[in-house]
N, C-alpha and C. Protein backbone atom coordinates (compact mmCIF):
# COMPACT_ATOMS: atom_id res chain seq x y z
N MET A 1 -295.99 129.45 -23.71
CA MET A 1 -295.29 129.60 -22.04
C MET A 1 -295.16 127.79 -21.97
N ILE A 2 -294.30 127.56 -21.41
CA ILE A 2 -293.99 126.33 -20.55
C ILE A 2 -294.65 126.30 -19.88
N PRO A 3 -295.40 124.52 -19.38
CA PRO A 3 -296.24 124.48 -18.11
C PRO A 3 -294.56 124.71 -17.14
N ALA A 4 -294.64 124.70 -16.01
CA ALA A 4 -294.22 124.56 -14.71
C ALA A 4 -293.30 123.41 -14.42
N PHE A 5 -294.36 122.39 -14.53
CA PHE A 5 -294.47 120.85 -14.51
C PHE A 5 -293.26 120.09 -15.71
N ILE A 6 -292.99 120.81 -16.82
CA ILE A 6 -292.56 120.45 -18.02
C ILE A 6 -291.15 120.82 -17.78
N ARG A 7 -291.15 122.54 -17.41
CA ARG A 7 -289.58 122.84 -16.51
C ARG A 7 -288.81 121.74 -15.43
N SER A 8 -289.82 121.43 -14.74
CA SER A 8 -289.57 120.94 -13.65
C SER A 8 -288.81 119.46 -14.21
N THR A 9 -289.36 118.70 -14.68
CA THR A 9 -288.92 117.66 -15.72
C THR A 9 -287.83 117.63 -16.71
N ASP A 10 -287.59 118.78 -17.13
CA ASP A 10 -286.49 119.24 -17.47
C ASP A 10 -285.19 119.20 -17.06
N ARG A 11 -285.49 119.37 -16.14
CA ARG A 11 -284.54 120.46 -14.75
C ARG A 11 -284.10 119.27 -14.16
N ASN A 12 -285.00 118.29 -13.46
CA ASN A 12 -284.47 116.82 -12.74
C ASN A 12 -283.79 116.05 -13.82
N LEU A 13 -284.40 116.22 -15.36
CA LEU A 13 -283.51 115.25 -16.23
C LEU A 13 -282.64 115.81 -16.80
N LEU A 14 -282.44 116.64 -16.29
CA LEU A 14 -280.63 117.83 -16.73
C LEU A 14 -279.96 117.00 -15.89
N VAL A 15 -280.08 117.42 -14.08
CA VAL A 15 -279.89 117.07 -13.36
C VAL A 15 -279.07 115.29 -13.02
N HIS A 16 -280.17 114.79 -13.66
CA HIS A 16 -279.64 113.19 -13.57
C HIS A 16 -278.78 113.32 -14.55
N ARG A 17 -278.47 113.49 -15.70
CA ARG A 17 -277.51 113.35 -17.22
C ARG A 17 -276.13 113.69 -16.46
N LYS A 18 -276.01 114.81 -15.53
CA LYS A 18 -274.81 115.01 -15.22
C LYS A 18 -275.07 114.18 -14.54
N GLN A 19 -275.37 114.15 -13.27
CA GLN A 19 -275.35 113.27 -11.88
C GLN A 19 -274.34 111.43 -12.71
N ARG A 20 -274.75 111.61 -13.39
CA ARG A 20 -275.10 110.02 -15.01
C ARG A 20 -273.17 110.01 -15.14
N ARG A 21 -273.57 110.97 -15.90
CA ARG A 21 -271.52 111.91 -16.34
C ARG A 21 -270.50 111.54 -16.05
N ARG A 22 -271.23 112.16 -14.69
CA ARG A 22 -269.75 112.45 -13.36
C ARG A 22 -269.50 111.16 -12.39
N GLY A 23 -270.70 110.04 -12.46
CA GLY A 23 -270.35 109.12 -11.98
C GLY A 23 -269.92 108.07 -13.20
N ILE A 24 -269.94 108.10 -14.73
CA ILE A 24 -269.33 107.78 -15.78
C ILE A 24 -267.60 107.39 -15.77
N TRP A 25 -268.00 109.32 -15.13
CA TRP A 25 -266.53 110.19 -15.54
C TRP A 25 -265.56 109.26 -14.02
N ALA A 26 -266.34 109.46 -12.97
CA ALA A 26 -265.58 109.47 -12.19
C ALA A 26 -265.20 107.90 -11.69
N ASN A 27 -266.34 106.26 -12.23
CA ASN A 27 -265.73 105.43 -11.49
C ASN A 27 -264.60 105.43 -13.09
N GLY A 28 -265.06 105.96 -14.47
CA GLY A 28 -263.74 105.46 -15.41
C GLY A 28 -261.67 105.83 -14.91
N PHE A 29 -262.67 107.78 -14.00
CA PHE A 29 -261.49 107.84 -14.62
C PHE A 29 -260.49 106.68 -12.74
N GLY A 30 -261.17 106.03 -11.70
CA GLY A 30 -261.29 104.61 -11.23
C GLY A 30 -259.94 103.29 -11.66
N SER A 31 -260.78 103.90 -12.69
CA SER A 31 -260.24 102.24 -13.39
C SER A 31 -259.41 102.69 -13.87
N VAL A 32 -259.07 103.69 -14.73
CA VAL A 32 -257.58 104.24 -15.32
C VAL A 32 -256.57 104.23 -13.96
N ARG A 33 -257.19 105.10 -13.20
CA ARG A 33 -255.40 105.03 -11.96
C ARG A 33 -255.88 103.98 -11.72
N ARG A 34 -256.71 103.00 -11.33
CA ARG A 34 -256.02 101.30 -11.13
C ARG A 34 -254.84 100.32 -11.72
N ALA A 35 -255.57 100.93 -13.23
CA ALA A 35 -254.87 100.18 -14.43
C ALA A 35 -253.14 100.67 -14.62
N ALA A 36 -253.52 101.81 -13.96
CA ALA A 36 -251.70 102.93 -13.98
C ALA A 36 -251.24 102.78 -13.09
N ILE A 37 -251.89 102.27 -11.98
CA ILE A 37 -251.00 101.67 -10.24
C ILE A 37 -250.56 100.37 -10.65
N ALA A 38 -251.65 99.64 -11.42
CA ALA A 38 -250.77 98.23 -11.18
C ALA A 38 -249.71 98.08 -12.45
N GLY A 39 -250.06 99.55 -13.01
CA GLY A 39 -248.53 98.96 -14.81
C GLY A 39 -247.71 99.38 -14.17
N LEU A 40 -247.75 100.63 -13.19
CA LEU A 40 -246.25 101.31 -12.93
C LEU A 40 -245.34 99.69 -11.76
N ALA A 41 -246.43 99.54 -10.84
CA ALA A 41 -245.91 98.14 -9.91
C ALA A 41 -245.70 97.15 -10.99
N VAL A 42 -246.22 96.99 -12.42
CA VAL A 42 -245.23 95.61 -12.77
C VAL A 42 -244.11 96.75 -13.69
N GLY A 43 -243.94 96.98 -13.72
CA GLY A 43 -243.01 98.03 -14.74
C GLY A 43 -241.66 97.97 -13.40
N GLY A 44 -242.39 98.32 -12.26
CA GLY A 44 -241.61 98.35 -11.21
C GLY A 44 -240.80 97.38 -11.08
N LEU A 45 -241.60 96.15 -10.99
CA LEU A 45 -240.70 95.40 -10.75
C LEU A 45 -239.91 93.95 -11.69
N ALA A 46 -240.47 95.00 -12.96
CA ALA A 46 -239.80 94.15 -14.38
C ALA A 46 -238.34 95.25 -14.62
N ALA A 47 -238.58 96.98 -13.87
CA ALA A 47 -236.89 97.09 -13.68
C ALA A 47 -236.28 96.80 -12.99
N ALA A 48 -236.60 96.23 -11.82
CA ALA A 48 -235.54 95.22 -10.77
C ALA A 48 -234.56 95.00 -11.21
N PRO A 49 -233.83 95.21 -10.87
CA PRO A 49 -232.38 94.18 -11.33
C PRO A 49 -232.56 92.55 -10.15
N GLY A 50 -231.39 91.97 -12.06
CA GLY A 50 -232.17 90.62 -11.50
C GLY A 50 -231.49 89.80 -10.57
N PHE A 51 -231.83 88.91 -9.81
CA PHE A 51 -231.24 87.82 -8.89
C PHE A 51 -230.24 87.69 -9.36
N ALA A 52 -229.01 88.18 -8.92
CA ALA A 52 -227.87 87.88 -9.43
C ALA A 52 -226.96 86.72 -8.32
N GLY A 53 -228.01 85.41 -8.47
CA GLY A 53 -227.16 84.59 -6.98
C GLY A 53 -226.31 83.51 -7.95
N ASP A 54 -227.25 82.98 -9.34
CA ASP A 54 -226.59 81.86 -9.55
C ASP A 54 -224.98 82.35 -9.89
N TRP A 55 -224.27 81.24 -10.04
CA TRP A 55 -223.12 81.43 -9.99
C TRP A 55 -222.10 80.55 -10.93
N SER A 56 -223.08 79.59 -11.68
CA SER A 56 -222.95 78.89 -12.67
C SER A 56 -221.83 79.43 -14.10
N GLY A 57 -221.03 78.35 -13.96
CA GLY A 57 -220.53 79.32 -15.82
C GLY A 57 -218.98 79.02 -15.55
N PHE A 58 -218.86 79.60 -16.15
CA PHE A 58 -216.98 80.04 -16.67
C PHE A 58 -216.68 81.46 -16.15
N PHE A 59 -215.38 81.62 -15.48
CA PHE A 59 -214.96 82.94 -15.52
C PHE A 59 -213.26 83.88 -16.35
N LEU A 60 -213.57 84.69 -16.02
CA LEU A 60 -212.26 84.66 -16.92
C LEU A 60 -211.84 86.23 -16.46
N GLY A 61 -210.67 86.34 -16.15
CA GLY A 61 -210.61 87.72 -15.57
C GLY A 61 -209.41 87.97 -14.80
N ALA A 62 -208.56 89.06 -14.21
CA ALA A 62 -207.55 90.00 -14.51
C ALA A 62 -207.67 90.04 -12.48
N SER A 63 -206.34 89.27 -11.59
CA SER A 63 -206.02 90.48 -10.82
C SER A 63 -204.59 91.10 -10.39
N MET A 64 -204.92 91.70 -9.07
CA MET A 64 -203.71 92.75 -8.91
C MET A 64 -203.22 92.18 -6.87
N ALA A 65 -201.80 91.63 -7.21
CA ALA A 65 -202.03 90.91 -5.80
C ALA A 65 -200.55 91.63 -5.18
N ARG A 66 -201.11 91.76 -3.42
CA ARG A 66 -199.13 92.25 -2.92
C ARG A 66 -198.72 90.65 -2.39
N VAL A 67 -197.71 90.41 -2.67
CA VAL A 67 -196.92 89.34 -2.42
C VAL A 67 -196.15 90.17 -0.77
N GLN A 68 -195.96 89.33 -0.29
CA GLN A 68 -194.94 88.59 1.54
C GLN A 68 -193.85 87.51 0.57
N ALA A 69 -193.22 87.39 0.81
CA ALA A 69 -192.55 86.15 1.29
C ALA A 69 -191.59 86.22 2.14
N ALA A 70 -191.27 85.12 2.47
CA ALA A 70 -191.06 84.79 4.29
C ALA A 70 -189.67 83.54 4.27
N PRO A 71 -187.95 84.32 4.23
CA PRO A 71 -188.02 85.57 4.27
C PRO A 71 -187.75 86.80 3.91
N SER A 72 -188.12 87.65 4.22
CA SER A 72 -187.67 89.17 2.96
C SER A 72 -186.98 90.10 2.93
N GLU A 73 -185.67 90.11 2.93
CA GLU A 73 -185.78 92.02 3.04
C GLU A 73 -186.38 93.12 1.81
N ARG A 74 -187.06 92.23 1.19
CA ARG A 74 -187.58 93.72 0.30
C ARG A 74 -188.88 94.12 0.29
N GLY A 75 -189.51 93.28 1.90
CA GLY A 75 -191.05 93.63 2.36
C GLY A 75 -191.76 92.95 0.81
N SER A 76 -193.18 93.69 0.36
CA SER A 76 -193.78 93.17 -0.11
C SER A 76 -194.18 93.53 -1.74
N VAL A 77 -193.94 92.92 -2.67
CA VAL A 77 -194.01 93.20 -4.21
C VAL A 77 -195.85 92.95 -4.98
N SER A 78 -195.23 93.64 -5.68
CA SER A 78 -196.30 93.49 -6.23
C SER A 78 -197.05 92.27 -7.51
N ALA A 79 -198.00 91.88 -7.84
CA ALA A 79 -197.81 90.86 -8.66
C ALA A 79 -198.82 90.99 -9.17
N SER A 80 -199.28 91.17 -10.87
CA SER A 80 -200.19 91.06 -11.95
C SER A 80 -200.76 88.94 -12.61
N GLY A 81 -201.92 88.96 -12.45
CA GLY A 81 -201.93 87.91 -12.78
C GLY A 81 -203.03 87.58 -13.56
N LEU A 82 -203.51 86.41 -13.79
CA LEU A 82 -204.73 86.61 -15.66
C LEU A 82 -205.49 85.36 -14.36
N HIS A 83 -206.96 84.99 -14.96
CA HIS A 83 -206.77 83.24 -14.03
C HIS A 83 -208.34 83.42 -14.98
N LEU A 84 -209.10 81.88 -15.11
CA LEU A 84 -209.71 81.01 -15.74
C LEU A 84 -210.42 80.16 -15.20
N GLY A 85 -211.23 79.63 -14.97
CA GLY A 85 -212.19 78.92 -13.56
C GLY A 85 -213.42 78.78 -14.60
N TYR A 86 -214.05 77.30 -14.07
CA TYR A 86 -215.46 77.07 -13.63
C TYR A 86 -215.81 76.83 -12.44
N ASP A 87 -217.51 77.32 -12.09
CA ASP A 87 -218.38 76.90 -10.76
C ASP A 87 -219.20 76.70 -10.77
N HIS A 88 -219.60 75.56 -10.79
CA HIS A 88 -220.84 75.36 -10.51
C HIS A 88 -222.26 75.16 -9.23
N ASP A 89 -223.28 76.36 -8.96
CA ASP A 89 -224.01 76.01 -8.21
C ASP A 89 -224.76 75.17 -7.78
N PHE A 90 -225.20 74.49 -7.13
CA PHE A 90 -225.83 73.49 -6.93
C PHE A 90 -227.01 73.95 -5.74
N GLY A 91 -227.07 75.36 -5.43
CA GLY A 91 -227.91 75.64 -4.55
C GLY A 91 -227.14 76.72 -3.37
N ARG A 92 -227.33 76.09 -2.34
CA ARG A 92 -226.67 76.73 -1.47
C ARG A 92 -224.52 76.39 -1.29
N VAL A 93 -224.22 75.39 -2.18
CA VAL A 93 -222.94 74.97 -2.51
C VAL A 93 -223.37 75.61 -3.72
N VAL A 94 -221.40 76.25 -3.57
CA VAL A 94 -221.08 76.11 -5.64
C VAL A 94 -219.33 75.68 -4.93
N LEU A 95 -219.20 74.86 -6.28
CA LEU A 95 -217.76 74.10 -6.59
C LEU A 95 -217.72 74.46 -7.45
N GLY A 96 -216.38 74.63 -7.83
CA GLY A 96 -215.31 74.79 -8.32
C GLY A 96 -213.62 74.48 -9.04
N GLY A 97 -213.69 75.36 -9.93
CA GLY A 97 -211.41 75.33 -9.74
C GLY A 97 -211.23 76.61 -10.80
N GLU A 98 -210.01 76.62 -10.72
CA GLU A 98 -209.69 77.64 -11.19
C GLU A 98 -208.23 77.37 -12.41
N VAL A 99 -207.56 78.19 -13.16
CA VAL A 99 -206.18 78.38 -13.14
C VAL A 99 -205.28 79.50 -12.98
N GLU A 100 -204.51 79.73 -12.77
CA GLU A 100 -203.81 81.19 -12.24
C GLU A 100 -202.64 81.57 -12.69
N VAL A 101 -202.50 82.13 -13.25
CA VAL A 101 -200.85 82.37 -14.07
C VAL A 101 -200.49 84.15 -13.22
N ASP A 102 -199.45 84.65 -12.69
CA ASP A 102 -199.12 85.68 -11.95
C ASP A 102 -197.65 85.86 -12.49
N ARG A 103 -196.91 87.38 -12.09
CA ARG A 103 -195.59 87.93 -12.39
C ARG A 103 -195.56 88.16 -11.18
N SER A 104 -194.13 87.99 -10.25
CA SER A 104 -194.49 88.68 -9.25
C SER A 104 -192.99 89.37 -9.17
N GLY A 105 -192.13 88.51 -10.34
CA GLY A 105 -190.98 88.98 -9.84
C GLY A 105 -190.57 88.86 -9.22
N ARG A 106 -189.10 89.73 -8.43
CA ARG A 106 -188.00 89.59 -7.70
C ARG A 106 -188.44 89.31 -5.98
N VAL A 107 -188.67 88.11 -5.59
CA VAL A 107 -189.90 87.85 -4.35
C VAL A 107 -188.18 88.17 -3.22
N ARG A 108 -186.96 87.79 -3.66
CA ARG A 108 -186.13 87.71 -3.04
C ARG A 108 -185.11 88.31 -3.68
N SER A 109 -183.89 88.86 -2.72
CA SER A 109 -182.51 89.45 -3.18
C SER A 109 -181.88 88.36 -4.50
N ASP A 110 -182.01 87.12 -3.82
CA ASP A 110 -181.16 86.25 -4.17
C ASP A 110 -182.14 85.73 -5.76
N LEU A 111 -183.49 85.81 -5.88
CA LEU A 111 -184.71 85.18 -6.61
C LEU A 111 -185.48 85.91 -7.08
N THR A 112 -185.36 85.79 -8.50
CA THR A 112 -186.27 86.51 -9.17
C THR A 112 -187.19 85.55 -10.44
N GLU A 113 -188.69 85.19 -10.09
CA GLU A 113 -189.76 84.32 -10.86
C GLU A 113 -189.81 85.05 -11.97
N GLU A 114 -189.70 84.56 -13.06
CA GLU A 114 -190.74 84.65 -14.25
C GLU A 114 -192.19 84.35 -14.25
N GLN A 115 -192.06 83.44 -13.70
CA GLN A 115 -194.33 83.11 -13.58
C GLN A 115 -194.37 82.29 -12.55
N THR A 116 -195.56 82.68 -11.77
CA THR A 116 -196.13 81.04 -11.23
C THR A 116 -197.61 80.85 -11.65
N ARG A 117 -197.35 79.79 -11.65
CA ARG A 117 -199.22 79.46 -11.86
C ARG A 117 -199.95 78.03 -11.08
N ARG A 118 -200.94 78.80 -10.80
CA ARG A 118 -201.21 77.63 -9.70
C ARG A 118 -202.58 77.07 -10.63
N ILE A 119 -202.89 75.78 -9.83
CA ILE A 119 -204.51 75.10 -10.42
C ILE A 119 -204.89 74.82 -8.86
N LYS A 120 -206.39 75.54 -8.98
CA LYS A 120 -206.87 75.13 -7.54
C LYS A 120 -208.69 74.61 -7.40
N LEU A 121 -208.59 74.39 -6.75
CA LEU A 121 -210.06 73.17 -6.36
C LEU A 121 -210.97 74.67 -5.24
N ARG A 122 -212.23 74.59 -5.32
CA ARG A 122 -213.00 75.74 -4.00
C ARG A 122 -213.95 75.25 -3.49
N ALA A 123 -214.19 75.20 -3.02
CA ALA A 123 -216.34 74.93 -2.48
C ALA A 123 -215.96 76.27 -1.70
N GLY A 124 -217.57 76.67 -2.08
CA GLY A 124 -218.21 77.80 -1.57
C GLY A 124 -219.84 77.78 -0.90
N TYR A 125 -219.97 78.98 0.09
CA TYR A 125 -221.61 78.79 -0.03
C TYR A 125 -221.80 80.19 -0.61
N ASP A 126 -223.27 79.68 -0.77
CA ASP A 126 -224.04 80.22 -2.18
C ASP A 126 -225.03 82.01 -1.03
N MET A 127 -224.59 82.69 -0.85
CA MET A 127 -225.46 84.34 -0.40
C MET A 127 -225.54 84.59 -0.93
N GLY A 128 -226.10 84.28 -2.08
CA GLY A 128 -227.48 85.21 -2.82
C GLY A 128 -226.23 85.94 -4.11
N GLU A 129 -225.63 87.43 -3.57
CA GLU A 129 -225.28 88.13 -4.28
C GLU A 129 -223.77 88.17 -4.14
N THR A 130 -223.51 87.34 -2.70
CA THR A 130 -221.72 87.35 -1.64
C THR A 130 -221.73 85.57 -2.31
N LEU A 131 -220.92 85.26 -2.40
CA LEU A 131 -220.03 83.72 -2.08
C LEU A 131 -219.28 83.65 -1.40
N GLY A 132 -218.78 82.85 -0.30
CA GLY A 132 -217.82 82.97 0.37
C GLY A 132 -216.99 81.52 0.12
N TYR A 133 -215.65 81.88 -0.04
CA TYR A 133 -215.29 80.32 -0.46
C TYR A 133 -213.96 79.46 0.48
N LEU A 134 -213.33 78.35 0.33
CA LEU A 134 -212.41 77.54 0.46
C LEU A 134 -211.77 77.52 -0.94
N THR A 135 -210.17 77.69 -0.75
CA THR A 135 -209.71 76.92 -1.42
C THR A 135 -208.14 76.58 -1.74
N ILE A 136 -208.09 75.26 -2.11
CA ILE A 136 -206.98 74.42 -2.43
C ILE A 136 -206.06 73.93 -3.59
N GLY A 137 -204.94 73.67 -3.99
CA GLY A 137 -204.32 73.30 -4.77
C GLY A 137 -202.87 73.50 -4.95
N SER A 138 -202.64 73.57 -6.12
CA SER A 138 -201.18 73.23 -6.62
C SER A 138 -200.01 74.74 -6.81
N ALA A 139 -199.29 74.89 -6.79
CA ALA A 139 -198.44 76.29 -7.25
C ALA A 139 -196.81 75.44 -7.39
N ARG A 140 -196.76 76.01 -8.88
CA ARG A 140 -194.80 76.01 -9.92
C ARG A 140 -194.78 77.17 -10.14
N ASN A 141 -193.21 77.33 -9.62
CA ASN A 141 -192.91 78.71 -9.68
C ASN A 141 -191.64 78.25 -10.25
N GLU A 142 -190.87 79.18 -11.34
CA GLU A 142 -190.68 79.40 -12.79
C GLU A 142 -189.63 80.08 -12.27
N THR A 143 -188.72 80.12 -12.57
CA THR A 143 -186.89 81.36 -12.85
C THR A 143 -186.69 80.93 -14.41
N ALA A 144 -185.69 81.62 -14.71
CA ALA A 144 -185.35 81.55 -15.48
C ALA A 144 -184.58 80.37 -15.97
N THR A 145 -183.73 79.80 -14.87
CA THR A 145 -182.80 78.53 -14.84
C THR A 145 -183.79 77.28 -14.47
N ASP A 146 -185.29 77.97 -13.24
CA ASP A 146 -185.55 76.07 -12.75
C ASP A 146 -186.92 76.32 -12.39
N SER A 147 -187.37 75.19 -11.76
CA SER A 147 -188.67 75.68 -11.17
C SER A 147 -189.15 74.17 -10.30
N ASP A 148 -189.39 74.81 -9.89
CA ASP A 148 -190.64 73.56 -8.00
C ASP A 148 -191.91 73.91 -8.04
N ASN A 149 -192.35 72.81 -6.97
CA ASN A 149 -193.93 73.28 -7.03
C ASN A 149 -193.74 73.37 -5.46
N GLY A 150 -195.90 73.71 -4.74
CA GLY A 150 -195.48 74.24 -4.08
C GLY A 150 -197.91 73.50 -3.17
N ALA A 151 -197.55 73.22 -2.17
CA ALA A 151 -199.15 74.17 -1.65
C ALA A 151 -199.68 75.12 -2.03
N VAL A 152 -200.37 75.12 -2.12
CA VAL A 152 -201.14 76.60 -1.72
C VAL A 152 -202.81 76.85 -0.97
N TYR A 153 -202.93 77.16 -0.40
CA TYR A 153 -204.65 76.95 0.30
C TYR A 153 -204.90 79.24 0.53
N GLY A 154 -205.94 78.96 0.82
CA GLY A 154 -206.47 80.23 1.09
C GLY A 154 -208.35 79.99 1.44
N LEU A 155 -209.25 81.09 0.93
CA LEU A 155 -210.07 81.70 1.20
C LEU A 155 -210.22 83.15 -0.06
N GLY A 156 -211.31 82.72 0.24
CA GLY A 156 -212.27 84.81 -0.63
C GLY A 156 -213.26 85.02 -0.81
N LEU A 157 -213.61 85.78 -1.35
CA LEU A 157 -214.86 86.71 -1.05
C LEU A 157 -215.39 87.38 -1.59
N SER A 158 -216.19 86.76 -3.79
CA SER A 158 -217.20 87.39 -4.07
C SER A 158 -218.21 87.99 -4.64
N TYR A 159 -218.38 89.21 -4.81
CA TYR A 159 -220.19 89.51 -4.60
C TYR A 159 -219.67 90.19 -6.86
N SER A 160 -221.42 89.55 -6.58
CA SER A 160 -221.59 89.76 -7.77
C SER A 160 -222.59 90.77 -8.04
N LEU A 161 -221.87 92.04 -9.17
CA LEU A 161 -222.37 92.87 -9.49
C LEU A 161 -223.66 92.86 -10.09
N ASN A 162 -223.75 91.56 -11.64
CA ASN A 162 -224.30 91.89 -11.99
C ASN A 162 -224.03 90.43 -12.72
N ARG A 163 -224.97 89.72 -13.26
CA ARG A 163 -224.48 88.26 -14.67
C ARG A 163 -223.75 88.02 -14.93
N ALA A 164 -222.70 89.03 -15.36
CA ALA A 164 -221.64 89.56 -16.41
C ALA A 164 -220.71 89.77 -15.53
N LEU A 165 -220.39 90.27 -14.30
CA LEU A 165 -219.33 90.69 -13.82
C LEU A 165 -219.29 90.27 -11.76
N ARG A 166 -217.78 90.19 -11.62
CA ARG A 166 -218.14 89.59 -10.14
C ARG A 166 -216.54 89.98 -10.12
N VAL A 167 -216.30 90.69 -9.14
CA VAL A 167 -215.10 91.19 -8.13
C VAL A 167 -215.04 90.68 -6.99
N SER A 168 -214.15 90.55 -6.35
CA SER A 168 -213.76 89.09 -5.42
C SER A 168 -212.15 89.47 -4.36
N GLY A 169 -211.92 89.26 -3.10
CA GLY A 169 -211.44 89.83 -2.16
C GLY A 169 -210.32 87.98 -2.37
N GLU A 170 -208.81 88.09 -2.35
CA GLU A 170 -208.55 86.78 -2.67
C GLU A 170 -207.63 86.66 -1.39
N TYR A 171 -207.03 85.70 -0.46
CA TYR A 171 -206.54 85.39 0.63
C TYR A 171 -205.24 84.38 0.27
N LEU A 172 -203.69 83.86 0.25
CA LEU A 172 -203.29 82.67 -0.20
C LEU A 172 -202.69 82.57 1.35
N HIS A 173 -202.13 80.73 1.08
CA HIS A 173 -200.49 80.94 1.57
C HIS A 173 -200.03 80.21 0.56
N GLN A 174 -198.70 80.45 0.31
CA GLN A 174 -198.00 79.36 -0.75
C GLN A 174 -196.59 79.01 0.64
N ASP A 175 -196.83 76.95 0.03
CA ASP A 175 -195.78 76.58 0.86
C ASP A 175 -194.47 76.63 0.55
N ALA A 176 -193.58 77.07 1.09
CA ALA A 176 -192.22 76.74 0.21
C ALA A 176 -192.37 75.23 -0.56
N SER A 177 -191.01 75.46 -1.54
CA SER A 177 -191.07 74.38 -2.35
C SER A 177 -189.75 72.95 -1.56
N ASP A 178 -189.84 71.95 -2.23
CA ASP A 178 -188.67 71.07 -1.67
C ASP A 178 -188.08 70.63 -2.95
N GLY A 179 -186.61 70.55 -2.85
CA GLY A 179 -186.07 69.72 -3.61
C GLY A 179 -185.31 70.47 -4.91
N ALA A 180 -185.64 71.84 -5.38
CA ALA A 180 -185.45 72.83 -6.58
C ALA A 180 -184.35 72.86 -6.09
N ALA A 181 -183.58 73.19 -7.13
CA ALA A 181 -182.14 73.93 -6.65
C ALA A 181 -182.09 75.35 -6.03
N VAL A 182 -183.00 76.13 -6.26
CA VAL A 182 -183.32 77.76 -5.87
C VAL A 182 -184.54 77.79 -5.41
N GLN A 183 -184.38 77.39 -4.15
CA GLN A 183 -185.70 76.99 -2.77
C GLN A 183 -185.92 78.25 -2.96
N ALA A 184 -188.00 78.42 -3.61
CA ALA A 184 -188.71 79.08 -3.58
C ALA A 184 -189.45 79.55 -2.24
N PRO A 185 -189.01 80.84 -1.79
CA PRO A 185 -190.23 81.25 -0.39
C PRO A 185 -191.69 80.49 0.01
N SER A 186 -191.25 80.18 1.36
CA SER A 186 -193.19 80.34 1.22
C SER A 186 -193.37 82.28 1.26
N ARG A 187 -195.27 82.65 0.92
CA ARG A 187 -195.45 83.38 1.05
C ARG A 187 -196.61 83.87 1.10
N ASP A 188 -197.53 85.05 1.40
CA ASP A 188 -198.55 84.86 1.89
C ASP A 188 -199.23 86.26 0.46
N ILE A 189 -200.61 85.87 0.09
CA ILE A 189 -200.92 86.89 -1.49
C ILE A 189 -202.31 87.38 -0.92
N LEU A 190 -202.17 88.37 -0.85
CA LEU A 190 -203.83 88.72 -1.24
C LEU A 190 -203.85 89.74 -2.05
N SER A 191 -204.92 89.90 -2.89
CA SER A 191 -205.04 89.81 -4.22
C SER A 191 -207.22 90.25 -4.27
N ILE A 192 -207.23 91.49 -5.45
CA ILE A 192 -207.14 91.91 -5.53
C ILE A 192 -208.15 91.90 -6.78
N ARG A 193 -209.77 91.12 -7.21
CA ARG A 193 -209.40 90.67 -8.50
C ARG A 193 -211.18 90.82 -9.50
N ALA A 194 -211.63 90.29 -10.12
CA ALA A 194 -212.29 91.49 -11.15
C ALA A 194 -212.31 90.66 -12.54
N SER A 195 -213.61 89.70 -12.61
CA SER A 195 -214.13 88.40 -13.45
C SER A 195 -215.45 88.83 -14.35
N PHE A 196 -215.44 88.52 -15.38
CA PHE A 196 -216.18 88.12 -16.43
C PHE A 196 -216.87 86.94 -16.52
N GLN A 197 -218.41 86.99 -15.92
CA GLN A 197 -219.04 85.42 -15.64
C GLN A 197 -219.71 85.40 -17.38
N PHE A 198 -219.44 83.88 -17.94
CA PHE A 198 -219.91 83.55 -18.78
C PHE A 198 -221.31 81.96 -19.46
């Protein structure tokens, strides 16, 4: 028969071991939980979309516009176009330029244009993922028999979907030309543009 004090000592030792195991398990679980939370936090930050506020680089894209010549009994006409440009982001200020070609077709009953080419400079304000800008430049209208030049100016707003793709809305006013045999009318142009940045 085992003496009572030995049984008591064994029980105390067993209880002590169980409590120690529970403490180790609890501390270990707490460490694992803290590590898991930290890992999820880091993973969440890593998975968050990158800041799309750097507008520096070349961009190439296409546009679809409505062109309203003044005066014109035809109303507005559609014009599709292509553009290529470069922007440099100086922080809050973005400076750049672009060349653009579009085809507006018959802008007036007596005037059908083959294409219009524009060279534009622009200055914008960097708001992070959004860029607001003013633009000014020169436009050259070409018909089957003649060509003429006119000033163009306007404003636009671009939104960066990610570091490779931006969408924009742009309004331009193009002045009437001078000196051509068939004088191109002034016009207002409202366009939607999509561009790839590289």
